[in-house]
């Protein structure tokens, strides 16, 4: 029973394709050398995932029936650049925090304050009518 199940082949192929897409040079990129001698090295965040699944179906024939599938996804997000110039190293970070969810979280306190201000508004006191002088 040294026979390999079809799902093992699918998972092996998926992992091999991920290895081809993502390597250490994806996270710490290849250095870029400028004519003035400055070296720039990109730094990125890499996330990946994969899934595989399948099912053996009963068969009256001696061969096995198998149905399955696999898939993978990779996300690469640039984070910063290392800049080496004149013997000094600097890191230039990219601002990646400004997305819709973060902006929404940022305005929640302002919205709550505005709603609170609407309820706290004091109603104008009724103006006191001047007393009528009797003649």
N, C-alpha and C. Protein backbone atom coordinates (compact mmCIF):
# COMPACT_ATOMS: atom_id res chain seq x y z
N UNK A 1 0.82 -1.20 0.00
CA UNK A 1 0.00 0.00 0.00
C UNK A 1 0.86 1.25 0.00
N UNK A 2 1.78 1.30 -0.92
CA UNK A 2 2.66 2.45 -1.03
C UNK A 2 2.10 3.44 -2.04
N UNK A 3 0.84 3.28 -2.37
CA UNK A 3 0.17 4.08 -3.37
C UNK A 3 -0.17 5.47 -2.79
N UNK A 4 0.13 6.51 -3.55
CA UNK A 4 -0.14 7.87 -3.10
C UNK A 4 -1.57 8.25 -3.45
N UNK A 5 -2.26 8.86 -2.48
CA UNK A 5 -3.64 9.30 -2.70
C UNK A 5 -3.62 10.55 -3.59
N UNK A 6 -4.61 10.76 -4.45
CA UNK A 6 -4.63 11.92 -5.34
C UNK A 6 -4.57 13.27 -4.61
N UNK A 7 -5.12 13.36 -3.42
CA UNK A 7 -5.11 14.64 -2.71
C UNK A 7 -3.69 15.02 -2.29
N UNK A 8 -2.83 14.03 -2.04
CA UNK A 8 -1.44 14.32 -1.70
C UNK A 8 -0.74 14.97 -2.89
N UNK A 9 -1.04 14.52 -4.08
CA UNK A 9 -0.46 15.12 -5.28
C UNK A 9 -0.93 16.55 -5.47
N UNK A 10 -2.23 16.79 -5.22
CA UNK A 10 -2.76 18.16 -5.35
C UNK A 10 -2.10 19.09 -4.34
N UNK A 11 -2.00 18.64 -3.09
CA UNK A 11 -1.40 19.48 -2.05
C UNK A 11 0.08 19.73 -2.36
N UNK A 12 0.78 18.72 -2.85
CA UNK A 12 2.18 18.89 -3.20
C UNK A 12 2.37 19.91 -4.31
N UNK A 13 1.53 19.84 -5.32
CA UNK A 13 1.59 20.81 -6.43
C UNK A 13 1.29 22.22 -5.94
N UNK A 14 0.28 22.36 -5.08
CA UNK A 14 -0.09 23.68 -4.54
C UNK A 14 1.07 24.28 -3.75
N UNK A 15 1.67 23.49 -2.87
CA UNK A 15 2.79 23.99 -2.07
C UNK A 15 3.98 24.35 -2.95
N UNK A 16 4.24 23.59 -3.98
CA UNK A 16 5.34 23.89 -4.88
C UNK A 16 5.10 25.22 -5.61
N UNK A 17 3.87 25.46 -6.02
CA UNK A 17 3.55 26.73 -6.69
C UNK A 17 3.70 27.90 -5.73
N UNK A 18 3.32 27.71 -4.46
CA UNK A 18 3.51 28.78 -3.46
C UNK A 18 5.00 29.05 -3.28
N UNK A 19 5.81 28.00 -3.21
CA UNK A 19 7.27 28.19 -3.07
C UNK A 19 7.83 28.97 -4.26
N UNK A 20 7.30 28.73 -5.45
CA UNK A 20 7.76 29.46 -6.62
C UNK A 20 7.40 30.94 -6.53
N UNK A 21 6.21 31.25 -5.98
CA UNK A 21 5.76 32.64 -5.90
C UNK A 21 6.43 33.41 -4.78
N UNK A 22 6.64 32.76 -3.63
CA UNK A 22 7.13 33.45 -2.44
C UNK A 22 8.46 32.84 -2.02
N UNK A 23 9.49 33.66 -2.01
CA UNK A 23 10.77 33.23 -1.46
C UNK A 23 11.31 34.37 -0.60
N UNK A 24 12.48 34.19 -0.04
CA UNK A 24 13.03 35.21 0.85
C UNK A 24 13.22 36.55 0.12
N UNK A 25 13.45 36.53 -1.18
CA UNK A 25 13.64 37.76 -1.93
C UNK A 25 12.33 38.54 -2.10
N UNK A 26 11.21 37.91 -1.79
CA UNK A 26 9.93 38.62 -1.83
C UNK A 26 9.79 39.50 -0.59
N UNK A 27 10.26 39.00 0.55
CA UNK A 27 10.15 39.74 1.81
C UNK A 27 11.22 40.82 1.89
N UNK A 28 12.47 40.43 1.77
CA UNK A 28 13.58 41.39 1.68
C UNK A 28 14.00 41.35 0.22
N UNK A 29 13.62 42.39 -0.52
CA UNK A 29 13.82 42.38 -1.96
C UNK A 29 15.27 42.51 -2.38
N UNK A 30 15.50 42.33 -3.65
CA UNK A 30 16.84 42.48 -4.20
C UNK A 30 17.28 43.93 -4.08
N UNK A 31 18.52 44.18 -3.68
CA UNK A 31 19.01 45.56 -3.56
C UNK A 31 19.04 46.27 -4.91
N UNK A 32 18.70 47.54 -4.86
CA UNK A 32 18.73 48.38 -6.06
C UNK A 32 19.82 49.41 -5.83
N UNK A 33 20.82 49.45 -6.71
CA UNK A 33 21.93 50.39 -6.55
C UNK A 33 21.76 51.54 -7.52
N UNK A 34 21.77 52.75 -6.97
CA UNK A 34 21.64 53.96 -7.78
C UNK A 34 23.01 54.39 -8.28
N UNK A 35 23.06 55.23 -9.33
CA UNK A 35 24.36 55.68 -9.86
C UNK A 35 25.23 56.41 -8.84
N UNK A 36 24.63 57.07 -7.83
CA UNK A 36 25.42 57.79 -6.84
C UNK A 36 25.94 56.88 -5.72
N UNK A 37 25.67 55.56 -5.83
CA UNK A 37 26.16 54.62 -4.83
C UNK A 37 25.16 54.29 -3.75
N UNK A 38 24.01 54.95 -3.72
CA UNK A 38 22.96 54.67 -2.74
C UNK A 38 22.33 53.32 -3.07
N UNK A 39 22.11 52.51 -2.03
CA UNK A 39 21.48 51.21 -2.20
C UNK A 39 20.11 51.24 -1.52
N UNK A 40 19.09 50.78 -2.23
CA UNK A 40 17.72 50.75 -1.71
C UNK A 40 17.28 49.29 -1.66
N UNK A 41 16.79 48.88 -0.47
CA UNK A 41 16.35 47.49 -0.30
C UNK A 41 14.88 47.51 0.13
N UNK A 42 13.98 46.98 -0.70
CA UNK A 42 12.55 46.95 -0.33
C UNK A 42 12.27 45.86 0.72
N UNK A 43 11.35 46.19 1.64
CA UNK A 43 10.91 45.25 2.67
C UNK A 43 9.40 45.12 2.56
N UNK A 44 8.89 43.90 2.49
CA UNK A 44 7.46 43.66 2.31
C UNK A 44 6.92 42.65 3.31
N UNK A 45 5.62 42.69 3.51
CA UNK A 45 4.92 41.68 4.30
C UNK A 45 4.26 40.72 3.32
N UNK A 46 4.44 39.44 3.58
CA UNK A 46 3.87 38.43 2.70
C UNK A 46 2.94 37.54 3.52
N UNK A 47 1.74 37.35 3.02
CA UNK A 47 0.81 36.43 3.64
C UNK A 47 0.32 35.45 2.59
N UNK A 48 0.13 34.22 2.99
CA UNK A 48 -0.37 33.25 2.02
C UNK A 48 -1.20 32.20 2.72
N UNK A 49 -2.01 31.54 1.95
CA UNK A 49 -2.83 30.46 2.46
C UNK A 49 -3.21 29.53 1.33
N UNK A 50 -3.55 28.32 1.71
CA UNK A 50 -4.00 27.38 0.69
C UNK A 50 -4.99 26.41 1.30
N UNK A 51 -5.75 25.82 0.44
CA UNK A 51 -6.74 24.83 0.87
C UNK A 51 -6.82 23.73 -0.18
N UNK A 52 -7.10 22.55 0.29
CA UNK A 52 -7.28 21.43 -0.62
C UNK A 52 -8.33 20.51 -0.02
N UNK A 53 -9.08 19.85 -0.87
CA UNK A 53 -10.09 18.93 -0.37
C UNK A 53 -10.54 18.01 -1.47
N UNK A 54 -11.15 16.94 -1.07
CA UNK A 54 -11.62 16.00 -2.07
C UNK A 54 -12.45 14.91 -1.45
N UNK A 55 -12.92 14.02 -2.29
CA UNK A 55 -13.78 12.94 -1.82
C UNK A 55 -13.61 11.73 -2.72
N UNK A 56 -13.58 10.57 -2.08
CA UNK A 56 -13.61 9.32 -2.84
C UNK A 56 -15.08 8.93 -3.02
N UNK A 57 -15.43 8.52 -4.21
CA UNK A 57 -16.80 8.09 -4.47
C UNK A 57 -16.83 6.57 -4.62
N UNK A 58 -17.87 5.95 -4.11
CA UNK A 58 -17.97 4.49 -4.28
C UNK A 58 -18.13 4.14 -5.76
N UNK A 59 -17.53 3.03 -6.12
CA UNK A 59 -17.58 2.63 -7.52
C UNK A 59 -17.71 1.11 -7.61
N UNK A 60 -18.44 0.65 -8.60
CA UNK A 60 -18.57 -0.79 -8.83
C UNK A 60 -17.40 -1.29 -9.66
N UNK A 61 -16.64 -0.38 -10.22
CA UNK A 61 -15.49 -0.74 -11.03
C UNK A 61 -14.25 -0.84 -10.12
N UNK A 62 -13.23 -1.55 -10.54
CA UNK A 62 -12.04 -1.70 -9.69
C UNK A 62 -11.24 -0.40 -9.51
N UNK A 63 -11.48 0.58 -10.35
CA UNK A 63 -10.74 1.84 -10.20
C UNK A 63 -11.43 2.74 -9.18
N UNK A 64 -10.63 3.58 -8.54
CA UNK A 64 -11.18 4.51 -7.55
C UNK A 64 -11.63 5.78 -8.26
N UNK A 65 -12.72 6.33 -7.81
CA UNK A 65 -13.20 7.61 -8.33
C UNK A 65 -12.90 8.68 -7.29
N UNK A 66 -12.24 9.73 -7.71
CA UNK A 66 -11.86 10.81 -6.80
C UNK A 66 -12.20 12.15 -7.44
N UNK A 67 -12.77 13.02 -6.65
CA UNK A 67 -13.02 14.38 -7.09
C UNK A 67 -12.43 15.33 -6.06
N UNK A 68 -11.73 16.35 -6.49
CA UNK A 68 -11.11 17.26 -5.53
C UNK A 68 -10.65 18.54 -6.18
N UNK A 69 -10.16 19.40 -5.35
CA UNK A 69 -9.66 20.67 -5.85
C UNK A 69 -8.74 21.30 -4.82
N UNK A 70 -7.95 22.25 -5.25
CA UNK A 70 -7.07 22.99 -4.35
C UNK A 70 -6.92 24.40 -4.87
N UNK A 71 -6.51 25.28 -3.99
CA UNK A 71 -6.31 26.67 -4.38
C UNK A 71 -5.38 27.35 -3.40
N UNK A 72 -4.83 28.46 -3.82
CA UNK A 72 -3.90 29.21 -2.98
C UNK A 72 -4.03 30.69 -3.26
N UNK A 73 -3.62 31.48 -2.29
CA UNK A 73 -3.63 32.93 -2.46
C UNK A 73 -2.42 33.53 -1.77
N UNK A 74 -1.88 34.58 -2.35
CA UNK A 74 -0.71 35.25 -1.80
C UNK A 74 -0.99 36.75 -1.78
N UNK A 75 -0.61 37.39 -0.67
CA UNK A 75 -0.76 38.84 -0.55
C UNK A 75 0.61 39.42 -0.24
N UNK A 76 1.03 40.41 -1.01
CA UNK A 76 2.32 41.08 -0.78
C UNK A 76 2.05 42.55 -0.56
N UNK A 77 2.51 43.06 0.59
CA UNK A 77 2.27 44.46 0.95
C UNK A 77 3.60 45.13 1.25
N UNK A 78 4.00 46.13 0.47
CA UNK A 78 5.26 46.83 0.77
C UNK A 78 5.15 47.58 2.10
N UNK A 79 6.18 47.46 2.94
CA UNK A 79 6.18 48.12 4.24
C UNK A 79 7.17 49.26 4.34
N UNK A 80 8.37 49.06 3.81
CA UNK A 80 9.41 50.07 4.00
C UNK A 80 10.53 49.85 2.98
N UNK A 81 11.47 50.79 3.00
CA UNK A 81 12.69 50.68 2.21
C UNK A 81 13.87 50.96 3.12
N UNK A 82 14.88 50.12 3.04
CA UNK A 82 16.15 50.39 3.72
C UNK A 82 17.01 51.16 2.72
N UNK A 83 17.51 52.31 3.12
CA UNK A 83 18.33 53.14 2.24
C UNK A 83 19.73 53.22 2.84
N UNK A 84 20.72 52.74 2.11
CA UNK A 84 22.11 52.77 2.55
C UNK A 84 22.82 53.80 1.68
N UNK A 85 23.27 54.88 2.34
CA UNK A 85 23.92 55.95 1.60
C UNK A 85 25.04 56.55 2.46
N UNK A 86 26.21 56.68 1.89
CA UNK A 86 27.37 57.26 2.58
C UNK A 86 27.62 56.60 3.93
N UNK A 87 27.49 55.30 4.01
CA UNK A 87 27.77 54.57 5.25
C UNK A 87 26.67 54.65 6.29
N UNK A 88 25.57 55.30 6.00
CA UNK A 88 24.45 55.41 6.93
C UNK A 88 23.27 54.62 6.40
N UNK A 89 22.52 54.03 7.34
CA UNK A 89 21.33 53.26 6.97
C UNK A 89 20.10 53.96 7.53
N UNK A 90 19.12 54.18 6.69
CA UNK A 90 17.85 54.77 7.09
C UNK A 90 16.73 53.83 6.68
N UNK A 91 15.64 53.87 7.44
CA UNK A 91 14.46 53.11 7.05
C UNK A 91 13.37 54.11 6.71
N UNK A 92 12.80 53.97 5.54
CA UNK A 92 11.71 54.82 5.10
C UNK A 92 10.44 53.98 5.11
N UNK A 93 9.59 54.23 6.11
CA UNK A 93 8.36 53.44 6.25
C UNK A 93 7.29 54.00 5.34
N UNK A 94 6.49 53.09 4.80
CA UNK A 94 5.33 53.48 4.00
C UNK A 94 4.14 53.52 4.93
N UNK A 95 3.29 54.50 4.78
CA UNK A 95 2.10 54.60 5.62
C UNK A 95 1.03 53.68 5.05
N UNK A 96 0.88 52.52 5.68
CA UNK A 96 -0.09 51.53 5.19
C UNK A 96 -1.30 51.43 6.09
N UNK A 97 -1.40 52.32 7.08
CA UNK A 97 -2.50 52.21 8.04
C UNK A 97 -3.75 52.92 7.58
N UNK A 98 -3.68 53.69 6.53
CA UNK A 98 -4.83 54.49 6.11
C UNK A 98 -5.72 53.70 5.17
N UNK A 99 -6.59 52.90 5.73
CA UNK A 99 -7.56 52.18 4.93
C UNK A 99 -8.96 52.53 5.43
N UNK A 100 -9.96 52.05 4.77
CA UNK A 100 -11.33 52.42 5.11
C UNK A 100 -11.69 52.06 6.55
N UNK A 101 -11.32 50.87 6.97
CA UNK A 101 -11.66 50.44 8.34
C UNK A 101 -11.00 51.35 9.37
N UNK A 102 -9.73 51.69 9.16
CA UNK A 102 -9.05 52.56 10.12
C UNK A 102 -9.64 53.97 10.12
N UNK A 103 -10.03 54.46 8.96
CA UNK A 103 -10.65 55.78 8.92
C UNK A 103 -11.98 55.78 9.65
N UNK A 104 -12.76 54.69 9.49
CA UNK A 104 -14.05 54.60 10.17
C UNK A 104 -13.85 54.58 11.69
N UNK A 105 -12.89 53.79 12.15
CA UNK A 105 -12.60 53.74 13.58
C UNK A 105 -12.16 55.11 14.07
N UNK A 106 -11.42 55.83 13.24
CA UNK A 106 -10.93 57.15 13.63
C UNK A 106 -12.03 58.19 13.77
N UNK A 107 -13.11 58.07 12.98
CA UNK A 107 -14.16 59.09 13.07
C UNK A 107 -15.26 58.74 14.06
N UNK A 108 -15.26 57.51 14.59
CA UNK A 108 -16.30 57.12 15.55
C UNK A 108 -16.37 58.08 16.74
N UNK A 109 -15.25 58.45 17.38
CA UNK A 109 -15.36 59.38 18.51
C UNK A 109 -16.00 60.72 18.13
N UNK A 110 -15.70 61.23 16.93
CA UNK A 110 -16.30 62.49 16.49
C UNK A 110 -17.81 62.35 16.29
N UNK A 111 -18.23 61.22 15.73
CA UNK A 111 -19.66 60.99 15.52
C UNK A 111 -20.38 60.88 16.87
N UNK A 112 -19.79 60.14 17.80
CA UNK A 112 -20.41 60.01 19.13
C UNK A 112 -20.49 61.37 19.81
N UNK A 113 -19.44 62.16 19.70
CA UNK A 113 -19.45 63.50 20.30
C UNK A 113 -20.54 64.36 19.67
N UNK A 114 -20.69 64.30 18.37
CA UNK A 114 -21.72 65.10 17.68
C UNK A 114 -23.12 64.69 18.13
N UNK A 115 -23.34 63.38 18.23
CA UNK A 115 -24.66 62.91 18.68
C UNK A 115 -24.91 63.34 20.11
N UNK A 116 -23.89 63.21 20.94
CA UNK A 116 -24.03 63.64 22.34
C UNK A 116 -24.34 65.13 22.44
N UNK A 117 -23.69 65.93 21.60
CA UNK A 117 -23.93 67.37 21.60
C UNK A 117 -25.37 67.69 21.22
N UNK A 118 -25.95 66.91 20.31
CA UNK A 118 -27.33 67.15 19.92
C UNK A 118 -28.28 66.96 21.11
N UNK A 119 -28.02 65.95 21.92
CA UNK A 119 -28.89 65.68 23.06
C UNK A 119 -28.63 66.62 24.23
N UNK A 120 -27.43 67.16 24.32
CA UNK A 120 -27.08 68.02 25.44
C UNK A 120 -27.46 69.48 25.21
N UNK A 121 -27.79 69.81 23.99
CA UNK A 121 -28.11 71.21 23.72
C UNK A 121 -29.20 71.66 24.66
N UNK A 122 -28.93 72.76 25.31
CA UNK A 122 -29.93 73.29 26.24
C UNK A 122 -31.01 74.00 25.44
N UNK A 123 -32.22 73.74 25.85
CA UNK A 123 -33.32 74.40 25.19
C UNK A 123 -33.33 75.85 25.66
N UNK A 124 -33.61 76.76 24.77
CA UNK A 124 -33.62 78.15 25.19
C UNK A 124 -34.69 78.37 26.25
N UNK A 125 -34.30 79.09 27.29
CA UNK A 125 -35.25 79.37 28.37
C UNK A 125 -36.35 80.26 27.82
N UNK A 126 -37.60 80.00 28.24
CA UNK A 126 -38.67 80.86 27.73
C UNK A 126 -38.41 82.30 28.17
N UNK A 127 -38.57 83.20 27.21
CA UNK A 127 -38.27 84.60 27.55
C UNK A 127 -39.35 85.13 28.49
N UNK A 128 -38.85 85.81 29.46
CA UNK A 128 -39.81 86.36 30.43
C UNK A 128 -40.40 87.61 29.81
N UNK A 129 -41.71 87.62 29.75
CA UNK A 129 -42.38 88.80 29.20
C UNK A 129 -42.36 89.90 30.27
N UNK A 130 -42.08 91.10 29.86
CA UNK A 130 -42.06 92.20 30.85
C UNK A 130 -43.45 92.37 31.47
N UNK A 131 -43.43 92.58 32.74
CA UNK A 131 -44.72 92.77 33.44
C UNK A 131 -45.39 94.02 32.92
N UNK A 132 -46.70 93.94 32.75
CA UNK A 132 -47.47 95.07 32.24
C UNK A 132 -47.66 96.05 33.38
N UNK A 133 -47.40 97.24 33.07
CA UNK A 133 -47.65 98.27 34.08
C UNK A 133 -49.07 98.72 33.95
N UNK A 134 -49.72 98.79 35.09
CA UNK A 134 -51.10 99.25 35.06
C UNK A 134 -51.11 100.77 35.14
N UNK A 135 -51.90 101.32 34.37
CA UNK A 135 -52.00 102.77 34.38
C UNK A 135 -53.05 103.27 35.28
